[in-house]
Structure formats: structure tokens, C-alpha cells
Amino acid sequence: MRHYELVFVLKPTLSEEEIKTRVQAIKDLIQQNQGEIYNEENWGRRNLAYPINKFNSGYYFLINFKTGNNNLPATLEYNLRINEDVIRFLNMKLKTPKATAKGE
């Protein structure tokens, strides 16, 4: 199993319902491709270090997941890249997973 950390930023113009829908779609994509999410965090709306696509802020999210599917990171990155509501993302492979509150 490989462990990954995904951080992505959604547009600040989205409504609460749209944000929940986009995040759930990303989580569903991970789970449908044999990924197991073991940590997720909503960091809320934050200012960006520099304007991106004329936006000065965005909604930040963190998802930690593990998978044995080697194609999942590429599939996930492709879907995030074509999603117009995602203004930035970073998917990193972790050498050693962070310990979670659940004791994993």
C-alpha cells in the first residue's frame, strides 16, 4: 500500500452546497479506484499567497489516502486538472504516513 496526501483549493465563489458536492466527488473518485481515505480536513477559506485566475482566496482541503492501485494518482490528477472549480492541487506520495488520531 502506498500512502498519499492530497491538498486542493476550490474557487471562493462556490456556495456551501457546491463545495460539498465537489469534495464528495473527489472522495468518491478515490474510493471507486480502490483508495481508502484515512484522514480528511477542511481548512476553510484562506487567502492565497498570490492571485490565481484573479482569485485572492480559496477553500482549502486535505485528504490522506492509501491505495494499492498505481493508476489512481494519475487518474486523480487528471480529473483535478480538468475540473474548473479546482484552482490548485498537490498530490504527494508519503514515505511514512502520519499517525492519525485513530491510531493508524
PDB file of N, CA and C in Angstrom:
ATOM      1  N   MET A   1       0.837  -1.190   0.000  1.00  0.00           N
ATOM      2  CA  MET A   1       0.000   0.000   0.000  1.00  0.00           C
ATOM      3  C   MET A   1       0.879   1.249   0.000  1.00  0.00           C
ATOM      4  N   ARG A   2       0.524   2.174  -0.835  1.00  0.00           N
ATOM      5  CA  ARG A   2       1.193   3.467  -0.860  1.00  0.00           C
ATOM      6  C   ARG A   2       0.279   4.503  -0.238  1.00  0.00           C
ATOM      7  N   HIS A   3       0.881   5.434   0.475  1.00  0.00           N
ATOM      8  CA  HIS A   3       0.136   6.498   1.140  1.00  0.00           C
ATOM      9  C   HIS A   3       0.348   7.805   0.396  1.00  0.00           C
ATOM     10  N   TYR A   4      -0.733   8.581   0.267  1.00  0.00           N
ATOM     11  CA  TYR A   4      -0.694   9.850  -0.457  1.00  0.00           C
ATOM     12  C   TYR A   4      -1.359  10.950   0.364  1.00  0.00           C
ATOM     13  N   GLU A   5      -0.943  12.174   0.085  1.00  0.00           N
ATOM     14  CA  GLU A   5      -1.545  13.357   0.700  1.00  0.00           C
ATOM     15  C   GLU A   5      -1.973  14.280  -0.425  1.00  0.00           C
ATOM     16  N   LEU A   6      -3.243  14.617  -0.463  1.00  0.00           N
ATOM     17  CA  LEU A   6      -3.801  15.480  -1.492  1.00  0.00           C
ATOM     18  C   LEU A   6      -4.281  16.771  -0.840  1.00  0.00           C
ATOM     19  N   VAL A   7      -3.778  17.890  -1.322  1.00  0.00           N
ATOM     20  CA  VAL A   7      -4.254  19.207  -0.893  1.00  0.00           C
ATOM     21  C   VAL A   7      -4.793  19.898  -2.134  1.00  0.00           C
ATOM     22  N   PHE A   8      -6.004  20.429  -2.045  1.00  0.00           N
ATOM     23  CA  PHE A   8      -6.557  21.143  -3.187  1.00  0.00           C
ATOM     24  C   PHE A   8      -7.301  22.384  -2.728  1.00  0.00           C
ATOM     25  N   VAL A   9      -7.422  23.352  -3.643  1.00  0.00           N
ATOM     26  CA  VAL A   9      -8.048  24.636  -3.357  1.00  0.00           C
ATOM     27  C   VAL A   9      -9.202  24.827  -4.338  1.00  0.00           C
ATOM     28  N   LEU A  10     -10.388  25.091  -3.793  1.00  0.00           N
ATOM     29  CA  LEU A  10     -11.568  25.342  -4.617  1.00  0.00           C
ATOM     30  C   LEU A  10     -11.823  26.838  -4.725  1.00  0.00           C
ATOM     31  N   LYS A  11     -12.513  27.230  -5.777  1.00  0.00           N
ATOM     32  CA  LYS A  11     -12.833  28.634  -6.012  1.00  0.00           C
ATOM     33  C   LYS A  11     -13.617  29.229  -4.836  1.00  0.00           C
ATOM     34  N   PRO A  12     -13.360  30.494  -4.499  1.00  0.00           N
ATOM     35  CA  PRO A  12     -14.086  31.122  -3.389  1.00  0.00           C
ATOM     36  C   PRO A  12     -15.511  31.517  -3.751  1.00  0.00           C
ATOM     37  N   THR A  13     -15.876  31.446  -5.026  1.00  0.00           N
ATOM     38  CA  THR A  13     -17.213  31.853  -5.449  1.00  0.00           C
ATOM     39  C   THR A  13     -18.251  30.743  -5.329  1.00  0.00           C
ATOM     40  N   LEU A  14     -17.832  29.547  -4.908  1.00  0.00           N
ATOM     41  CA  LEU A  14     -18.753  28.418  -4.793  1.00  0.00           C
ATOM     42  C   LEU A  14     -19.611  28.535  -3.537  1.00  0.00           C
ATOM     43  N   SER A  15     -20.842  28.040  -3.621  1.00  0.00           N
ATOM     44  CA  SER A  15     -21.720  28.011  -2.447  1.00  0.00           C
ATOM     45  C   SER A  15     -21.346  26.809  -1.569  1.00  0.00           C
ATOM     46  N   GLU A  16     -21.897  26.775  -0.367  1.00  0.00           N
ATOM     47  CA  GLU A  16     -21.623  25.660   0.561  1.00  0.00           C
ATOM     48  C   GLU A  16     -22.012  24.319  -0.065  1.00  0.00           C
ATOM     49  N   GLU A  17     -23.165  24.289  -0.720  1.00  0.00           N
ATOM     50  CA  GLU A  17     -23.643  23.047  -1.329  1.00  0.00           C
ATOM     51  C   GLU A  17     -22.729  22.615  -2.477  1.00  0.00           C
ATOM     52  N   GLU A  18     -22.276  23.549  -3.286  1.00  0.00           N
ATOM     53  CA  GLU A  18     -21.369  23.230  -4.389  1.00  0.00           C
ATOM     54  C   GLU A  18     -20.033  22.709  -3.869  1.00  0.00           C
ATOM     55  N   ILE A  19     -19.544  23.294  -2.779  1.00  0.00           N
ATOM     56  CA  ILE A  19     -18.286  22.847  -2.185  1.00  0.00           C
ATOM     57  C   ILE A  19     -18.418  21.406  -1.706  1.00  0.00           C
ATOM     58  N   LYS A  20     -19.516  21.106  -0.989  1.00  0.00           N
ATOM     59  CA  LYS A  20     -19.731  19.743  -0.500  1.00  0.00           C
ATOM     60  C   LYS A  20     -19.811  18.749  -1.653  1.00  0.00           C
ATOM     61  N   THR A  21     -20.465  19.147  -2.739  1.00  0.00           N
ATOM     62  CA  THR A  21     -20.600  18.280  -3.908  1.00  0.00           C
ATOM     63  C   THR A  21     -19.247  17.994  -4.544  1.00  0.00           C
ATOM     64  N   ARG A  22     -18.419  19.029  -4.703  1.00  0.00           N
ATOM     65  CA  ARG A  22     -17.096  18.862  -5.331  1.00  0.00           C
ATOM     66  C   ARG A  22     -16.182  17.986  -4.476  1.00  0.00           C
ATOM     67  N   VAL A  23     -16.185  18.213  -3.165  1.00  0.00           N
ATOM     68  CA  VAL A  23     -15.344  17.418  -2.265  1.00  0.00           C
ATOM     69  C   VAL A  23     -15.803  15.963  -2.263  1.00  0.00           C
ATOM     70  N   GLN A  24     -17.116  15.751  -2.226  1.00  0.00           N
ATOM     71  CA  GLN A  24     -17.639  14.382  -2.235  1.00  0.00           C
ATOM     72  C   GLN A  24     -17.295  13.678  -3.541  1.00  0.00           C
ATOM     73  N   ALA A  25     -17.315  14.400  -4.654  1.00  0.00           N
ATOM     74  CA  ALA A  25     -16.966  13.801  -5.950  1.00  0.00           C
ATOM     75  C   ALA A  25     -15.503  13.353  -5.949  1.00  0.00           C
ATOM     76  N   ILE A  26     -14.625  14.136  -5.357  1.00  0.00           N
ATOM     77  CA  ILE A  26     -13.208  13.769  -5.285  1.00  0.00           C
ATOM     78  C   ILE A  26     -13.028  12.553  -4.387  1.00  0.00           C
ATOM     79  N   LYS A  27     -13.724  12.530  -3.240  1.00  0.00           N
ATOM     80  CA  LYS A  27     -13.639  11.388  -2.335  1.00  0.00           C
ATOM     81  C   LYS A  27     -14.191  10.121  -2.997  1.00  0.00           C
ATOM     82  N   ASP A  28     -15.285  10.256  -3.740  1.00  0.00           N
ATOM     83  CA  ASP A  28     -15.867   9.111  -4.448  1.00  0.00           C
ATOM     84  C   ASP A  28     -14.909   8.567  -5.498  1.00  0.00           C
ATOM     85  N   LEU A  29     -14.220   9.465  -6.203  1.00  0.00           N
ATOM     86  CA  LEU A  29     -13.256   9.041  -7.218  1.00  0.00           C
ATOM     87  C   LEU A  29     -12.136   8.221  -6.590  1.00  0.00           C
ATOM     88  N   ILE A  30     -11.656   8.657  -5.433  1.00  0.00           N
ATOM     89  CA  ILE A  30     -10.602   7.917  -4.727  1.00  0.00           C
ATOM     90  C   ILE A  30     -11.107   6.538  -4.321  1.00  0.00           C
ATOM     91  N   GLN A  31     -12.305   6.485  -3.743  1.00  0.00           N
ATOM     92  CA  GLN A  31     -12.843   5.220  -3.250  1.00  0.00           C
ATOM     93  C   GLN A  31     -13.230   4.263  -4.376  1.00  0.00           C
ATOM     94  N   GLN A  32     -13.678   4.791  -5.509  1.00  0.00           N
ATOM     95  CA  GLN A  32     -14.051   3.942  -6.638  1.00  0.00           C
ATOM     96  C   GLN A  32     -12.837   3.318  -7.310  1.00  0.00           C
ATOM     97  N   ASN A  33     -11.665   3.905  -7.090  1.00  0.00           N
ATOM     98  CA  ASN A  33     -10.429   3.392  -7.688  1.00  0.00           C
ATOM     99  C   ASN A  33      -9.550   2.707  -6.649  1.00  0.00           C
ATOM    100  N   GLN A  34     -10.173   2.011  -5.713  1.00  0.00           N
ATOM    101  CA  GLN A  34      -9.500   1.184  -4.702  1.00  0.00           C
ATOM    102  C   GLN A  34      -8.663   1.997  -3.724  1.00  0.00           C
ATOM    103  N   GLY A  35      -9.051   3.234  -3.473  1.00  0.00           N
ATOM    104  CA  GLY A  35      -8.366   4.045  -2.479  1.00  0.00           C
ATOM    105  C   GLY A  35      -9.130   4.039  -1.167  1.00  0.00           C
ATOM    106  N   GLU A  36      -8.398   4.132  -0.082  1.00  0.00           N
ATOM    107  CA  GLU A  36      -9.017   4.164   1.247  1.00  0.00           C
ATOM    108  C   GLU A  36      -8.610   5.459   1.940  1.00  0.00           C
ATOM    109  N   ILE A  37      -9.589   6.321   2.214  1.00  0.00           N
ATOM    110  CA  ILE A  37      -9.333   7.602   2.854  1.00  0.00           C
ATOM    111  C   ILE A  37      -9.237   7.370   4.356  1.00  0.00           C
ATOM    112  N   TYR A  38      -8.122   7.809   4.967  1.00  0.00           N
ATOM    113  CA  TYR A  38      -7.985   7.639   6.411  1.00  0.00           C
ATOM    114  C   TYR A  38      -7.891   8.956   7.160  1.00  0.00           C
ATOM    115  N   ASN A  39      -7.867  10.075   6.451  1.00  0.00           N
ATOM    116  CA  ASN A  39      -7.878  11.385   7.117  1.00  0.00           C
ATOM    117  C   ASN A  39      -8.350  12.427   6.119  1.00  0.00           C
ATOM    118  N   GLU A  40      -9.206  13.325   6.588  1.00  0.00           N
ATOM    119  CA  GLU A  40      -9.629  14.448   5.754  1.00  0.00           C
ATOM    120  C   GLU A  40      -9.837  15.665   6.641  1.00  0.00           C
ATOM    121  N   GLU A  41      -9.446  16.813   6.113  1.00  0.00           N
ATOM    122  CA  GLU A  41      -9.549  18.052   6.871  1.00  0.00           C
ATOM    123  C   GLU A  41     -10.054  19.158   5.970  1.00  0.00           C
ATOM    124  N   ASN A  42     -10.930  19.984   6.531  1.00  0.00           N
ATOM    125  CA  ASN A  42     -11.407  21.180   5.847  1.00  0.00           C
ATOM    126  C   ASN A  42     -10.694  22.356   6.505  1.00  0.00           C
ATOM    127  N   TRP A  43      -9.795  22.993   5.776  1.00  0.00           N
ATOM    128  CA  TRP A  43      -9.027  24.103   6.330  1.00  0.00           C
ATOM    129  C   TRP A  43      -9.758  25.429   6.173  1.00  0.00           C
ATOM    130  N   GLY A  44     -10.888  25.427   5.498  1.00  0.00           N
ATOM    131  CA  GLY A  44     -11.697  26.624   5.355  1.00  0.00           C
ATOM    132  C   GLY A  44     -11.175  27.579   4.282  1.00  0.00           C
ATOM    133  N   ARG A  45     -11.752  28.773   4.305  1.00  0.00           N
ATOM    134  CA  ARG A  45     -11.365  29.794   3.325  1.00  0.00           C
ATOM    135  C   ARG A  45     -10.128  30.525   3.821  1.00  0.00           C
ATOM    136  N   ARG A  46      -9.124  30.597   2.952  1.00  0.00           N
ATOM    137  CA  ARG A  46      -7.861  31.255   3.294  1.00  0.00           C
ATOM    138  C   ARG A  46      -7.413  32.122   2.129  1.00  0.00           C
ATOM    139  N   ASN A  47      -6.618  33.117   2.454  1.00  0.00           N
ATOM    140  CA  ASN A  47      -6.037  33.959   1.417  1.00  0.00           C
ATOM    141  C   ASN A  47      -4.915  33.208   0.718  1.00  0.00           C
ATOM    142  N   LEU A  48      -4.810  33.429  -0.577  1.00  0.00           N
ATOM    143  CA  LEU A  48      -3.737  32.838  -1.359  1.00  0.00           C
ATOM    144  C   LEU A  48      -2.493  33.711  -1.245  1.00  0.00           C
ATOM    145  N   ALA A  49      -1.325  33.140  -1.429  1.00  0.00           N
ATOM    146  CA  ALA A  49      -0.074  33.893  -1.365  1.00  0.00           C
ATOM    147  C   ALA A  49       0.017  34.886  -2.522  1.00  0.00           C
ATOM    148  N   TYR A  50      -0.587  34.542  -3.640  1.00  0.00           N
ATOM    149  CA  TYR A  50      -0.610  35.415  -4.814  1.00  0.00           C
ATOM    150  C   TYR A  50      -1.900  35.105  -5.590  1.00  0.00           C
ATOM    151  N   PRO A  51      -2.401  36.061  -6.361  1.00  0.00           N
ATOM    152  CA  PRO A  51      -3.648  35.815  -7.104  1.00  0.00           C
ATOM    153  C   PRO A  51      -3.498  34.685  -8.121  1.00  0.00           C
ATOM    154  N   ILE A  52      -4.500  33.834  -8.177  1.00  0.00           N
ATOM    155  CA  ILE A  52      -4.563  32.752  -9.149  1.00  0.00           C
ATOM    156  C   ILE A  52      -5.885  32.897  -9.889  1.00  0.00           C
ATOM    157  N   ASN A  53      -5.827  33.061 -11.193  1.00  0.00           N
ATOM    158  CA  ASN A  53      -7.035  33.252 -12.009  1.00  0.00           C
ATOM    159  C   ASN A  53      -7.917  34.373 -11.456  1.00  0.00           C
ATOM    160  N   LYS A  54      -7.293  35.424 -10.989  1.00  0.00           N
ATOM    161  CA  LYS A  54      -7.956  36.617 -10.426  1.00  0.00           C
ATOM    162  C   LYS A  54      -8.657  36.353  -9.097  1.00  0.00           C
ATOM    163  N   PHE A  55      -8.363  35.227  -8.448  1.00  0.00           N
ATOM    164  CA  PHE A  55      -8.894  34.936  -7.115  1.00  0.00           C
ATOM    165  C   PHE A  55      -7.814  35.221  -6.084  1.00  0.00           C
ATOM    166  N   ASN A  56      -8.206  35.841  -4.971  1.00  0.00           N
ATOM    167  CA  ASN A  56      -7.260  36.143  -3.897  1.00  0.00           C
ATOM    168  C   ASN A  56      -7.415  35.202  -2.713  1.00  0.00           C
ATOM    169  N   SER A  57      -8.444  34.356  -2.740  1.00  0.00           N
ATOM    170  CA  SER A  57      -8.662  33.398  -1.652  1.00  0.00           C
ATOM    171  C   SER A  57      -9.274  32.129  -2.240  1.00  0.00           C
ATOM    172  N   GLY A  58      -9.359  31.101  -1.408  1.00  0.00           N
ATOM    173  CA  GLY A  58      -9.938  29.839  -1.849  1.00  0.00           C
ATOM    174  C   GLY A  58     -10.226  28.936  -0.663  1.00  0.00           C
ATOM    175  N   TYR A  59     -10.984  27.884  -0.891  1.00  0.00           N
ATOM    176  CA  TYR A  59     -11.316  26.911   0.145  1.00  0.00           C
ATOM    177  C   TYR A  59     -10.326  25.750   0.068  1.00  0.00           C
ATOM    178  N   TYR A  60      -9.598  25.541   1.150  1.00  0.00           N
ATOM    179  CA  TYR A  60      -8.539  24.530   1.210  1.00  0.00           C
ATOM    180  C   TYR A  60      -9.049  23.238   1.832  1.00  0.00           C
ATOM    181  N   PHE A  61      -8.613  22.105   1.262  1.00  0.00           N
ATOM    182  CA  PHE A  61      -8.973  20.786   1.770  1.00  0.00           C
ATOM    183  C   PHE A  61      -7.759  19.873   1.729  1.00  0.00           C
ATOM    184  N   LEU A  62      -7.676  18.965   2.705  1.00  0.00           N
ATOM    185  CA  LEU A  62      -6.607  17.974   2.780  1.00  0.00           C
ATOM    186  C   LEU A  62      -7.253  16.601   2.866  1.00  0.00           C
ATOM    187  N   ILE A  63      -6.765  15.662   2.051  1.00  0.00           N
ATOM    188  CA  ILE A  63      -7.228  14.280   2.102  1.00  0.00           C
ATOM    189  C   ILE A  63      -6.002  13.372   2.095  1.00  0.00           C
ATOM    190  N   ASN A  64      -5.891  12.509   3.096  1.00  0.00           N
ATOM    191  CA  ASN A  64      -4.851  11.478   3.137  1.00  0.00           C
ATOM    192  C   ASN A  64      -5.515  10.159   2.759  1.00  0.00           C
ATOM    193  N   PHE A  65      -4.887   9.425   1.847  1.00  0.00           N
ATOM    194  CA  PHE A  65      -5.453   8.147   1.441  1.00  0.00           C
ATOM    195  C   PHE A  65      -4.338   7.164   1.128  1.00  0.00           C
ATOM    196  N   LYS A  66      -4.726   5.883   1.119  1.00  0.00           N
ATOM    197  CA  LYS A  66      -3.776   4.832   0.760  1.00  0.00           C
ATOM    198  C   LYS A  66      -4.414   3.966  -0.316  1.00  0.00           C
ATOM    199  N   THR A  67      -3.562   3.408  -1.158  1.00  0.00           N
ATOM    200  CA  THR A  67      -4.066   2.589  -2.256  1.00  0.00           C
ATOM    201  C   THR A  67      -2.985   1.638  -2.752  1.00  0.00           C
ATOM    202  N   GLY A  68      -3.424   0.555  -3.321  1.00  0.00           N
ATOM    203  CA  GLY A  68      -2.528  -0.367  -3.996  1.00  0.00           C
ATOM    204  C   GLY A  68      -2.608  -0.187  -5.511  1.00  0.00           C
ATOM    205  N   ASN A  69      -3.535   0.668  -5.953  1.00  0.00           N
ATOM    206  CA  ASN A  69      -3.748   0.944  -7.370  1.00  0.00           C
ATOM    207  C   ASN A  69      -2.735   1.995  -7.839  1.00  0.00           C
ATOM    208  N   ASN A  70      -1.790   1.594  -8.673  1.00  0.00           N
ATOM    209  CA  ASN A  70      -0.765   2.520  -9.144  1.00  0.00           C
ATOM    210  C   ASN A  70      -1.296   3.574 -10.100  1.00  0.00           C
ATOM    211  N   ASN A  71      -2.473   3.371 -10.679  1.00  0.00           N
ATOM    212  CA  ASN A  71      -3.050   4.316 -11.627  1.00  0.00           C
ATOM    213  C   ASN A  71      -3.886   5.400 -10.954  1.00  0.00           C
ATOM    214  N   LEU A  72      -4.224   5.230  -9.683  1.00  0.00           N
ATOM    215  CA  LEU A  72      -5.083   6.193  -9.004  1.00  0.00           C
ATOM    216  C   LEU A  72      -4.506   7.603  -8.970  1.00  0.00           C
ATOM    217  N   PRO A  73      -3.232   7.820  -8.618  1.00  0.00           N
ATOM    218  CA  PRO A  73      -2.717   9.204  -8.590  1.00  0.00           C
ATOM    219  C   PRO A  73      -2.831   9.906  -9.944  1.00  0.00           C
ATOM    220  N   ALA A  74      -2.532   9.223 -11.024  1.00  0.00           N
ATOM    221  CA  ALA A  74      -2.630   9.836 -12.355  1.00  0.00           C
ATOM    222  C   ALA A  74      -4.080  10.138 -12.718  1.00  0.00           C
ATOM    223  N   THR A  75      -4.983   9.222 -12.400  1.00  0.00           N
ATOM    224  CA  THR A  75      -6.409   9.432 -12.665  1.00  0.00           C
ATOM    225  C   THR A  75      -6.935  10.610 -11.863  1.00  0.00           C
ATOM    226  N   LEU A  76      -6.549  10.667 -10.603  1.00  0.00           N
ATOM    227  CA  LEU A  76      -6.983  11.743  -9.723  1.00  0.00           C
ATOM    228  C   LEU A  76      -6.463  13.092 -10.218  1.00  0.00           C
ATOM    229  N   GLU A  77      -5.183  13.159 -10.560  1.00  0.00           N
ATOM    230  CA  GLU A  77      -4.604  14.410 -11.045  1.00  0.00           C
ATOM    231  C   GLU A  77      -5.249  14.858 -12.347  1.00  0.00           C
ATOM    232  N   TYR A  78      -5.554  13.918 -13.235  1.00  0.00           N
ATOM    233  CA  TYR A  78      -6.224  14.278 -14.487  1.00  0.00           C
ATOM    234  C   TYR A  78      -7.586  14.903 -14.206  1.00  0.00           C
ATOM    235  N   ASN A  79      -8.357  14.291 -13.313  1.00  0.00           N
ATOM    236  CA  ASN A  79      -9.688  14.807 -13.003  1.00  0.00           C
ATOM    237  C   ASN A  79      -9.632  16.152 -12.295  1.00  0.00           C
ATOM    238  N   LEU A  80      -8.645  16.361 -11.428  1.00  0.00           N
ATOM    239  CA  LEU A  80      -8.500  17.654 -10.766  1.00  0.00           C
ATOM    240  C   LEU A  80      -8.071  18.732 -11.764  1.00  0.00           C
ATOM    241  N   ARG A  81      -7.238  18.363 -12.709  1.00  0.00           N
ATOM    242  CA  ARG A  81      -6.735  19.327 -13.699  1.00  0.00           C
ATOM    243  C   ARG A  81      -7.850  19.829 -14.612  1.00  0.00           C
ATOM    244  N   ILE A  82      -8.806  18.966 -14.972  1.00  0.00           N
ATOM    245  CA  ILE A  82      -9.870  19.387 -15.877  1.00  0.00           C
ATOM    246  C   ILE A  82     -11.068  19.998 -15.146  1.00  0.00           C
ATOM    247  N   ASN A  83     -11.101  19.910 -13.823  1.00  0.00           N
ATOM    248  CA  ASN A  83     -12.187  20.477 -13.036  1.00  0.00           C
ATOM    249  C   ASN A  83     -11.957  21.982 -12.897  1.00  0.00           C
ATOM    250  N   GLU A  84     -12.849  22.787 -13.434  1.00  0.00           N
ATOM    251  CA  GLU A  84     -12.694  24.241 -13.427  1.00  0.00           C
ATOM    252  C   GLU A  84     -12.838  24.854 -12.036  1.00  0.00           C
ATOM    253  N   ASP A  85     -13.439  24.144 -11.098  1.00  0.00           N
ATOM    254  CA  ASP A  85     -13.629  24.674  -9.746  1.00  0.00           C
ATOM    255  C   ASP A  85     -12.400  24.482  -8.868  1.00  0.00           C
ATOM    256  N   VAL A  86     -11.450  23.656  -9.299  1.00  0.00           N
ATOM    257  CA  VAL A  86     -10.202  23.457  -8.560  1.00  0.00           C
ATOM    258  C   VAL A  86      -9.171  24.419  -9.137  1.00  0.00           C
ATOM    259  N   ILE A  87      -8.697  25.364  -8.292  1.00  0.00           N
ATOM    260  CA  ILE A  87      -7.729  26.335  -8.820  1.00  0.00           C
ATOM    261  C   ILE A  87      -6.284  25.905  -8.580  1.00  0.00           C
ATOM    262  N   ARG A  88      -6.026  25.041  -7.613  1.00  0.00           N
ATOM    263  CA  ARG A  88      -4.694  24.472  -7.385  1.00  0.00           C
ATOM    264  C   ARG A  88      -4.847  23.144  -6.650  1.00  0.00           C
ATOM    265  N   PHE A  89      -3.889  22.241  -6.882  1.00  0.00           N
ATOM    266  CA  PHE A  89      -3.858  20.979  -6.145  1.00  0.00           C
ATOM    267  C   PHE A  89      -2.426  20.485  -6.086  1.00  0.00           C
ATOM    268  N   LEU A  90      -2.167  19.651  -5.087  1.00  0.00           N
ATOM    269  CA  LEU A  90      -0.876  18.989  -4.950  1.00  0.00           C
ATOM    270  C   LEU A  90      -1.126  17.609  -4.369  1.00  0.00           C
ATOM    271  N   ASN A  91      -0.678  16.597  -5.084  1.00  0.00           N
ATOM    272  CA  ASN A  91      -0.815  15.217  -4.635  1.00  0.00           C
ATOM    273  C   ASN A  91       0.588  14.664  -4.428  1.00  0.00           C
ATOM    274  N   MET A  92       0.910  14.296  -3.190  1.00  0.00           N
ATOM    275  CA  MET A  92       2.257  13.831  -2.872  1.00  0.00           C
ATOM    276  C   MET A  92       2.218  12.414  -2.313  1.00  0.00           C
ATOM    277  N   LYS A  93       3.196  11.625  -2.718  1.00  0.00           N
ATOM    278  CA  LYS A  93       3.373  10.294  -2.139  1.00  0.00           C
ATOM    279  C   LYS A  93       4.150  10.458  -0.842  1.00  0.00           C
ATOM    280  N   LEU A  94       3.664   9.851   0.228  1.00  0.00           N
ATOM    281  CA  LEU A  94       4.312   9.950   1.532  1.00  0.00           C
ATOM    282  C   LEU A  94       5.218   8.756   1.756  1.00  0.00           C
ATOM    283  N   LYS A  95       6.415   8.998   2.288  1.00  0.00           N
ATOM    284  CA  LYS A  95       7.324   7.894   2.610  1.00  0.00           C
ATOM    285  C   LYS A  95       6.824   7.140   3.827  1.00  0.00           C
ATOM    286  N   THR A  96       6.508   7.862   4.877  1.00  0.00           N
ATOM    287  CA  THR A  96       5.934   7.259   6.073  1.00  0.00           C
ATOM    288  C   THR A  96       4.656   8.015   6.394  1.00  0.00           C
ATOM    289  N   PRO A  97       3.540   7.324   6.533  1.00  0.00           N
ATOM    290  CA  PRO A  97       2.289   8.026   6.799  1.00  0.00           C
ATOM    291  C   PRO A  97       2.304   8.675   8.179  1.00  0.00           C
ATOM    292  N   LYS A  98       1.628   9.804   8.267  1.00  0.00           N
ATOM    293  CA  LYS A  98       1.477  10.482   9.551  1.00  0.00           C
ATOM    294  C   LYS A  98       0.556   9.665  10.434  1.00  0.00           C
ATOM    295  N   ALA A  99       0.822   9.655  11.714  1.00  0.00           N
ATOM    296  CA  ALA A  99      -0.066   8.980  12.657  1.00  0.00           C
ATOM    297  C   ALA A  99      -1.334   9.807  12.794  1.00  0.00           C
ATOM    298  N   THR A 100      -2.465   9.144  12.783  1.00  0.00           N
ATOM    299  CA  THR A 100      -3.727   9.845  12.915  1.00  0.00           C
ATOM    300  C   THR A 100      -4.250   9.692  14.334  1.00  0.00           C
ATOM    301  N   ALA A 101      -5.286  10.416  14.643  1.00  0.00           N
ATOM    302  CA  ALA A 101      -5.881  10.360  15.972  1.00  0.00           C
ATOM    303  C   ALA A 101      -6.490   8.987  16.242  1.00  0.00           C
ATOM    304  N   LYS A 102      -6.819   8.256  15.190  1.00  0.00           N
ATOM    305  CA  LYS A 102      -7.423   6.934  15.350  1.00  0.00           C
ATOM    306  C   LYS A 102      -6.387   5.860  15.675  1.00  0.00           C
ATOM    307  N   GLY A 103      -5.109   6.232  15.609  1.00  0.00           N
ATOM    308  CA  GLY A 103      -4.063   5.287  15.967  1.00  0.00           C
ATOM    309  C   GLY A 103      -3.554   4.460  14.800  1.00  0.00           C
ATOM    310  N   GLU A 104      -3.832   4.881  13.573  1.00  0.00           N
ATOM    311  CA  GLU A 104      -3.336   4.127  12.403  1.00  0.00           C
ATOM    312  C   GLU A 104      -1.903   4.460  12.149  1.00  0.00           C
TER     313      GLU A 104
END
